[in-house]
Amino acid sequence: MEINELTGLIVDLCVKIHSKVGPGCFEKVYEEILYYELNKTGIICQRQLFLPIQYESLNIENAYKLDLLVDNRLVLELKSVASLPSVYFKQLKTQLGILNLKHGMILNFKVNLMKEGIHRVYNNFGNEEL
């Protein structure tokens, strides 16, 4: 599946989830439902993955936690907040850089219309997949 097909599927699933559950739940609820929906499609999906970072000679395990890694090439960061600070976009770019991946999405469910909460994030130096 091409990346645009994959992100299109995720958008469709998010719209479905948002229309059924609404905007008032915790992030964990949306994460669990999206993980369930992605598994129903047969797409490989991992959740709550920890990433280490290296600082000089110091290796810090579990420095970052990914919400979802889809098909070993797309990082999803789920939110349920009234507004998205720019730091969330920078955080996702950092995670993409650590993984050396190109594509990520921030999905904010605390919006009136789900299309308002969908944001693609790119790491121009990353690979298409792990």
N, C-alpha and C. Protein backbone atom coordinates (compact mmCIF):
# COMPACT_ATOMS: atom_id res chain seq x y z
N MET A 1 0.84 -1.17 0.00
CA MET A 1 0.00 0.00 0.00
C MET A 1 0.89 1.25 0.00
N GLU A 2 0.59 2.18 -0.87
CA GLU A 2 1.35 3.43 -0.93
C GLU A 2 1.04 4.28 0.29
N ILE A 3 1.95 5.19 0.62
CA ILE A 3 1.80 5.99 1.83
C ILE A 3 0.53 6.84 1.80
N ASN A 4 0.17 7.37 0.64
CA ASN A 4 -1.06 8.17 0.57
C ASN A 4 -2.30 7.33 0.77
N GLU A 5 -2.27 6.09 0.30
CA GLU A 5 -3.38 5.17 0.57
C GLU A 5 -3.48 4.88 2.06
N LEU A 6 -2.32 4.64 2.67
CA LEU A 6 -2.28 4.33 4.09
C LEU A 6 -2.79 5.51 4.92
N THR A 7 -2.32 6.71 4.63
CA THR A 7 -2.79 7.87 5.38
C THR A 7 -4.28 8.13 5.10
N GLY A 8 -4.72 7.86 3.89
CA GLY A 8 -6.14 8.00 3.58
C GLY A 8 -7.00 7.04 4.38
N LEU A 9 -6.53 5.81 4.52
CA LEU A 9 -7.23 4.82 5.34
C LEU A 9 -7.30 5.29 6.79
N ILE A 10 -6.19 5.81 7.30
CA ILE A 10 -6.15 6.28 8.69
C ILE A 10 -7.11 7.46 8.88
N VAL A 11 -7.14 8.37 7.93
CA VAL A 11 -8.08 9.49 8.00
C VAL A 11 -9.51 8.97 8.05
N ASP A 12 -9.85 8.02 7.18
CA ASP A 12 -11.19 7.44 7.17
C ASP A 12 -11.53 6.79 8.50
N LEU A 13 -10.58 6.05 9.07
CA LEU A 13 -10.81 5.41 10.37
C LEU A 13 -11.00 6.44 11.47
N CYS A 14 -10.21 7.50 11.43
CA CYS A 14 -10.34 8.54 12.44
C CYS A 14 -11.69 9.24 12.37
N VAL A 15 -12.15 9.51 11.15
CA VAL A 15 -13.47 10.12 10.97
C VAL A 15 -14.55 9.19 11.51
N LYS A 16 -14.43 7.91 11.23
CA LYS A 16 -15.39 6.92 11.74
C LYS A 16 -15.40 6.91 13.27
N ILE A 17 -14.22 6.85 13.85
CA ILE A 17 -14.09 6.82 15.31
C ILE A 17 -14.66 8.10 15.93
N HIS A 18 -14.29 9.24 15.35
CA HIS A 18 -14.74 10.53 15.88
C HIS A 18 -16.25 10.65 15.79
N SER A 19 -16.83 10.16 14.71
CA SER A 19 -18.29 10.27 14.56
C SER A 19 -19.03 9.35 15.53
N LYS A 20 -18.42 8.23 15.90
CA LYS A 20 -19.07 7.30 16.83
C LYS A 20 -18.82 7.63 18.29
N VAL A 21 -17.60 8.08 18.61
CA VAL A 21 -17.21 8.29 20.01
C VAL A 21 -17.33 9.76 20.41
N GLY A 22 -17.09 10.67 19.47
CA GLY A 22 -17.13 12.09 19.78
C GLY A 22 -15.79 12.63 20.24
N PRO A 23 -15.74 13.93 20.55
CA PRO A 23 -14.48 14.58 20.87
C PRO A 23 -14.09 14.61 22.35
N GLY A 24 -14.83 13.95 23.24
CA GLY A 24 -14.62 14.18 24.66
C GLY A 24 -13.81 13.16 25.43
N CYS A 25 -13.21 12.18 24.77
CA CYS A 25 -12.51 11.10 25.48
C CYS A 25 -11.02 11.41 25.68
N PHE A 26 -10.39 10.60 26.51
CA PHE A 26 -8.95 10.68 26.70
C PHE A 26 -8.24 10.10 25.47
N GLU A 27 -6.99 10.52 25.26
CA GLU A 27 -6.20 10.04 24.13
C GLU A 27 -6.11 8.53 24.10
N LYS A 28 -5.98 7.92 25.26
CA LYS A 28 -5.84 6.46 25.35
C LYS A 28 -7.02 5.74 24.70
N VAL A 29 -8.21 6.28 24.84
CA VAL A 29 -9.40 5.68 24.26
C VAL A 29 -9.29 5.67 22.74
N TYR A 30 -8.94 6.81 22.17
CA TYR A 30 -8.81 6.90 20.70
C TYR A 30 -7.68 6.00 20.21
N GLU A 31 -6.59 5.95 20.95
CA GLU A 31 -5.47 5.10 20.58
C GLU A 31 -5.89 3.63 20.54
N GLU A 32 -6.58 3.21 21.57
CA GLU A 32 -6.99 1.81 21.64
C GLU A 32 -7.97 1.45 20.51
N ILE A 33 -8.90 2.35 20.24
CA ILE A 33 -9.88 2.10 19.17
C ILE A 33 -9.19 2.10 17.81
N LEU A 34 -8.30 3.07 17.56
CA LEU A 34 -7.61 3.12 16.27
C LEU A 34 -6.72 1.89 16.08
N TYR A 35 -6.06 1.48 17.14
CA TYR A 35 -5.24 0.26 17.09
C TYR A 35 -6.12 -0.95 16.73
N TYR A 36 -7.27 -1.04 17.35
CA TYR A 36 -8.23 -2.11 17.07
C TYR A 36 -8.68 -2.07 15.60
N GLU A 37 -9.03 -0.90 15.12
CA GLU A 37 -9.49 -0.75 13.73
C GLU A 37 -8.39 -1.10 12.73
N LEU A 38 -7.16 -0.67 13.01
CA LEU A 38 -6.04 -0.98 12.11
C LEU A 38 -5.77 -2.47 12.08
N ASN A 39 -5.85 -3.13 13.23
CA ASN A 39 -5.65 -4.58 13.27
C ASN A 39 -6.74 -5.31 12.49
N LYS A 40 -7.95 -4.79 12.50
CA LYS A 40 -9.03 -5.41 11.72
C LYS A 40 -8.72 -5.39 10.22
N THR A 41 -7.97 -4.38 9.76
CA THR A 41 -7.65 -4.29 8.34
C THR A 41 -6.48 -5.20 7.96
N GLY A 42 -5.77 -5.72 8.97
CA GLY A 42 -4.62 -6.58 8.71
C GLY A 42 -3.30 -5.83 8.58
N ILE A 43 -3.32 -4.53 8.79
CA ILE A 43 -2.10 -3.73 8.72
C ILE A 43 -1.31 -3.91 10.01
N ILE A 44 -0.02 -4.09 9.87
CA ILE A 44 0.85 -4.24 11.04
C ILE A 44 0.88 -2.92 11.80
N CYS A 45 0.61 -3.00 13.09
CA CYS A 45 0.57 -1.80 13.91
C CYS A 45 1.14 -2.14 15.29
N GLN A 46 2.02 -1.28 15.77
CA GLN A 46 2.58 -1.43 17.11
C GLN A 46 2.21 -0.21 17.92
N ARG A 47 1.98 -0.42 19.22
CA ARG A 47 1.59 0.73 20.04
C ARG A 47 2.47 0.84 21.27
N GLN A 48 2.60 2.09 21.73
CA GLN A 48 3.35 2.41 22.94
C GLN A 48 4.80 1.92 22.86
N LEU A 49 5.47 2.25 21.77
CA LEU A 49 6.87 1.87 21.58
C LEU A 49 7.78 2.91 22.21
N PHE A 50 8.75 2.45 22.98
CA PHE A 50 9.73 3.35 23.58
C PHE A 50 10.93 3.51 22.67
N LEU A 51 11.47 4.72 22.62
CA LEU A 51 12.66 5.02 21.82
C LEU A 51 13.76 5.56 22.72
N PRO A 52 14.98 5.10 22.50
CA PRO A 52 16.10 5.65 23.26
C PRO A 52 16.68 6.87 22.55
N ILE A 53 17.44 7.67 23.27
CA ILE A 53 18.25 8.71 22.63
C ILE A 53 19.66 8.61 23.17
N GLN A 54 20.58 9.05 22.35
CA GLN A 54 21.99 9.06 22.71
C GLN A 54 22.40 10.51 22.91
N TYR A 55 22.97 10.79 24.07
CA TYR A 55 23.51 12.12 24.35
C TYR A 55 24.97 11.94 24.74
N GLU A 56 25.86 12.34 23.84
CA GLU A 56 27.30 12.11 24.00
C GLU A 56 27.50 10.61 24.30
N SER A 57 28.10 10.27 25.42
CA SER A 57 28.31 8.84 25.73
C SER A 57 27.18 8.25 26.55
N LEU A 58 26.14 9.04 26.80
CA LEU A 58 25.01 8.59 27.62
C LEU A 58 23.89 8.06 26.73
N ASN A 59 23.47 6.84 26.99
CA ASN A 59 22.33 6.25 26.29
C ASN A 59 21.13 6.27 27.23
N ILE A 60 20.07 6.97 26.83
CA ILE A 60 18.89 7.08 27.67
C ILE A 60 17.79 6.21 27.06
N GLU A 61 17.52 5.10 27.72
CA GLU A 61 16.45 4.21 27.27
C GLU A 61 15.10 4.87 27.58
N ASN A 62 14.11 4.54 26.80
CA ASN A 62 12.73 5.00 27.04
C ASN A 62 12.61 6.53 27.12
N ALA A 63 13.33 7.22 26.26
CA ALA A 63 13.30 8.69 26.26
C ALA A 63 12.02 9.23 25.61
N TYR A 64 11.52 8.54 24.63
CA TYR A 64 10.29 8.92 23.94
C TYR A 64 9.38 7.72 23.85
N LYS A 65 8.09 7.99 23.75
CA LYS A 65 7.12 6.91 23.58
C LYS A 65 6.22 7.24 22.39
N LEU A 66 6.22 6.34 21.42
CA LEU A 66 5.35 6.51 20.25
C LEU A 66 3.96 5.98 20.59
N ASP A 67 2.94 6.68 20.14
CA ASP A 67 1.59 6.15 20.32
C ASP A 67 1.38 4.94 19.42
N LEU A 68 1.56 5.14 18.11
CA LEU A 68 1.37 4.05 17.16
C LEU A 68 2.42 4.13 16.04
N LEU A 69 2.94 2.98 15.67
CA LEU A 69 3.80 2.85 14.49
C LEU A 69 3.05 1.92 13.54
N VAL A 70 2.68 2.45 12.38
CA VAL A 70 1.84 1.73 11.43
C VAL A 70 2.67 1.28 10.24
N ASP A 71 2.63 -0.01 9.98
CA ASP A 71 3.27 -0.60 8.80
C ASP A 71 4.78 -0.30 8.76
N ASN A 72 5.38 -0.14 9.92
CA ASN A 72 6.81 0.15 10.05
C ASN A 72 7.27 1.37 9.26
N ARG A 73 6.34 2.31 9.01
CA ARG A 73 6.76 3.49 8.24
C ARG A 73 6.01 4.77 8.55
N LEU A 74 4.99 4.69 9.39
CA LEU A 74 4.19 5.88 9.68
C LEU A 74 3.97 5.98 11.19
N VAL A 75 4.43 7.10 11.77
CA VAL A 75 4.27 7.33 13.20
C VAL A 75 3.01 8.17 13.42
N LEU A 76 2.14 7.68 14.30
CA LEU A 76 0.93 8.42 14.64
C LEU A 76 1.02 8.90 16.08
N GLU A 77 0.80 10.18 16.26
CA GLU A 77 0.75 10.79 17.58
C GLU A 77 -0.68 11.24 17.80
N LEU A 78 -1.36 10.65 18.78
CA LEU A 78 -2.75 10.96 19.04
C LEU A 78 -2.87 11.97 20.18
N LYS A 79 -3.76 12.91 19.99
CA LYS A 79 -4.00 13.96 20.98
C LYS A 79 -5.50 14.15 21.19
N SER A 80 -5.84 14.69 22.34
CA SER A 80 -7.20 15.11 22.63
C SER A 80 -7.10 16.42 23.42
N VAL A 81 -6.74 17.48 22.70
CA VAL A 81 -6.50 18.78 23.32
C VAL A 81 -7.22 19.88 22.53
N ALA A 82 -7.52 20.97 23.23
CA ALA A 82 -8.26 22.06 22.59
C ALA A 82 -7.44 22.74 21.48
N SER A 83 -6.14 22.90 21.70
CA SER A 83 -5.29 23.47 20.65
C SER A 83 -3.94 22.76 20.68
N LEU A 84 -3.32 22.68 19.52
CA LEU A 84 -2.04 21.98 19.38
C LEU A 84 -0.88 22.95 19.44
N PRO A 85 -0.09 22.92 20.51
CA PRO A 85 1.11 23.76 20.52
C PRO A 85 2.12 23.25 19.49
N SER A 86 2.96 24.14 19.01
CA SER A 86 3.94 23.78 17.98
C SER A 86 4.94 22.73 18.48
N VAL A 87 5.11 22.62 19.79
CA VAL A 87 6.05 21.64 20.33
C VAL A 87 5.65 20.21 19.97
N TYR A 88 4.37 19.94 19.80
CA TYR A 88 3.93 18.59 19.40
C TYR A 88 4.47 18.23 18.02
N PHE A 89 4.52 19.19 17.12
CA PHE A 89 5.04 18.95 15.79
C PHE A 89 6.55 18.71 15.83
N LYS A 90 7.22 19.48 16.66
CA LYS A 90 8.67 19.31 16.82
C LYS A 90 8.99 17.96 17.47
N GLN A 91 8.18 17.57 18.43
CA GLN A 91 8.38 16.27 19.09
C GLN A 91 8.25 15.14 18.08
N LEU A 92 7.23 15.20 17.24
CA LEU A 92 7.04 14.16 16.23
C LEU A 92 8.19 14.16 15.22
N LYS A 93 8.67 15.33 14.83
CA LYS A 93 9.82 15.38 13.92
C LYS A 93 11.05 14.75 14.56
N THR A 94 11.24 14.98 15.86
CA THR A 94 12.36 14.36 16.57
C THR A 94 12.22 12.84 16.56
N GLN A 95 11.02 12.34 16.81
CA GLN A 95 10.79 10.90 16.80
C GLN A 95 11.04 10.31 15.41
N LEU A 96 10.60 11.00 14.38
CA LEU A 96 10.86 10.55 13.01
C LEU A 96 12.36 10.51 12.75
N GLY A 97 13.07 11.52 13.24
CA GLY A 97 14.52 11.55 13.06
C GLY A 97 15.22 10.41 13.77
N ILE A 98 14.79 10.10 14.98
CA ILE A 98 15.38 8.98 15.73
C ILE A 98 15.17 7.66 14.99
N LEU A 99 13.97 7.50 14.43
CA LEU A 99 13.66 6.28 13.69
C LEU A 99 14.16 6.31 12.25
N ASN A 100 14.58 7.48 11.79
CA ASN A 100 14.98 7.69 10.41
C ASN A 100 13.82 7.37 9.45
N LEU A 101 12.64 7.84 9.84
CA LEU A 101 11.44 7.67 9.01
C LEU A 101 11.02 9.02 8.44
N LYS A 102 10.24 8.95 7.37
CA LYS A 102 9.84 10.15 6.64
C LYS A 102 8.45 10.68 7.04
N HIS A 103 7.52 9.80 7.41
CA HIS A 103 6.12 10.20 7.53
C HIS A 103 5.56 10.04 8.94
N GLY A 104 4.81 11.07 9.35
CA GLY A 104 4.11 11.03 10.63
C GLY A 104 2.81 11.82 10.53
N MET A 105 1.94 11.56 11.50
CA MET A 105 0.68 12.30 11.56
C MET A 105 0.35 12.61 13.01
N ILE A 106 -0.14 13.81 13.24
CA ILE A 106 -0.73 14.16 14.52
C ILE A 106 -2.24 14.14 14.31
N LEU A 107 -2.92 13.39 15.17
CA LEU A 107 -4.36 13.23 15.06
C LEU A 107 -4.99 13.74 16.36
N ASN A 108 -5.61 14.91 16.29
CA ASN A 108 -6.23 15.51 17.46
C ASN A 108 -7.74 15.29 17.40
N PHE A 109 -8.25 14.56 18.37
CA PHE A 109 -9.67 14.20 18.36
C PHE A 109 -10.56 15.22 19.07
N LYS A 110 -9.98 16.20 19.74
CA LYS A 110 -10.80 17.18 20.47
C LYS A 110 -11.11 18.37 19.56
N VAL A 111 -11.83 18.07 18.49
CA VAL A 111 -12.21 19.06 17.49
C VAL A 111 -13.67 18.81 17.10
N ASN A 112 -14.32 19.84 16.53
CA ASN A 112 -15.70 19.67 16.08
C ASN A 112 -15.80 18.72 14.90
N LEU A 113 -14.93 18.91 13.91
CA LEU A 113 -14.86 18.05 12.74
C LEU A 113 -13.48 17.41 12.70
N MET A 114 -13.42 16.11 12.49
CA MET A 114 -12.15 15.40 12.55
C MET A 114 -11.14 15.96 11.55
N LYS A 115 -11.61 16.43 10.40
CA LYS A 115 -10.66 16.96 9.40
C LYS A 115 -9.85 18.13 9.94
N GLU A 116 -10.37 18.83 10.96
CA GLU A 116 -9.63 19.93 11.58
C GLU A 116 -8.48 19.43 12.45
N GLY A 117 -8.51 18.16 12.84
CA GLY A 117 -7.52 17.62 13.75
C GLY A 117 -6.46 16.75 13.10
N ILE A 118 -6.42 16.72 11.78
CA ILE A 118 -5.49 15.84 11.07
C ILE A 118 -4.34 16.67 10.49
N HIS A 119 -3.12 16.28 10.88
CA HIS A 119 -1.93 17.02 10.44
C HIS A 119 -0.85 16.02 10.02
N ARG A 120 -0.33 16.19 8.83
CA ARG A 120 0.81 15.37 8.39
C ARG A 120 2.10 16.08 8.73
N VAL A 121 3.09 15.28 9.13
CA VAL A 121 4.40 15.81 9.51
C VAL A 121 5.44 15.02 8.73
N TYR A 122 6.45 15.71 8.20
CA TYR A 122 7.45 15.07 7.37
C TYR A 122 8.86 15.28 7.92
N ASN A 123 9.67 14.27 7.75
CA ASN A 123 11.10 14.36 7.97
C ASN A 123 11.73 14.16 6.59
N ASN A 124 12.16 15.23 5.98
CA ASN A 124 12.66 15.17 4.61
C ASN A 124 13.89 14.30 4.45
N PHE A 125 14.57 13.98 5.54
CA PHE A 125 15.79 13.19 5.48
C PHE A 125 15.56 11.73 5.83
N GLY A 126 14.31 11.36 6.14
CA GLY A 126 14.02 10.00 6.57
C GLY A 126 13.79 9.04 5.43
N ASN A 127 13.73 7.78 5.79
CA ASN A 127 13.43 6.70 4.84
C ASN A 127 11.94 6.44 4.80
N GLU A 128 11.52 5.76 3.77
CA GLU A 128 10.10 5.43 3.62
C GLU A 128 9.64 4.39 4.63
N GLU A 129 10.56 3.52 5.09
CA GLU A 129 10.20 2.52 6.09
C GLU A 129 11.43 2.09 6.87
N LEU A 130 11.16 1.41 8.00
CA LEU A 130 12.27 0.92 8.85
C LEU A 130 13.06 -0.15 8.16
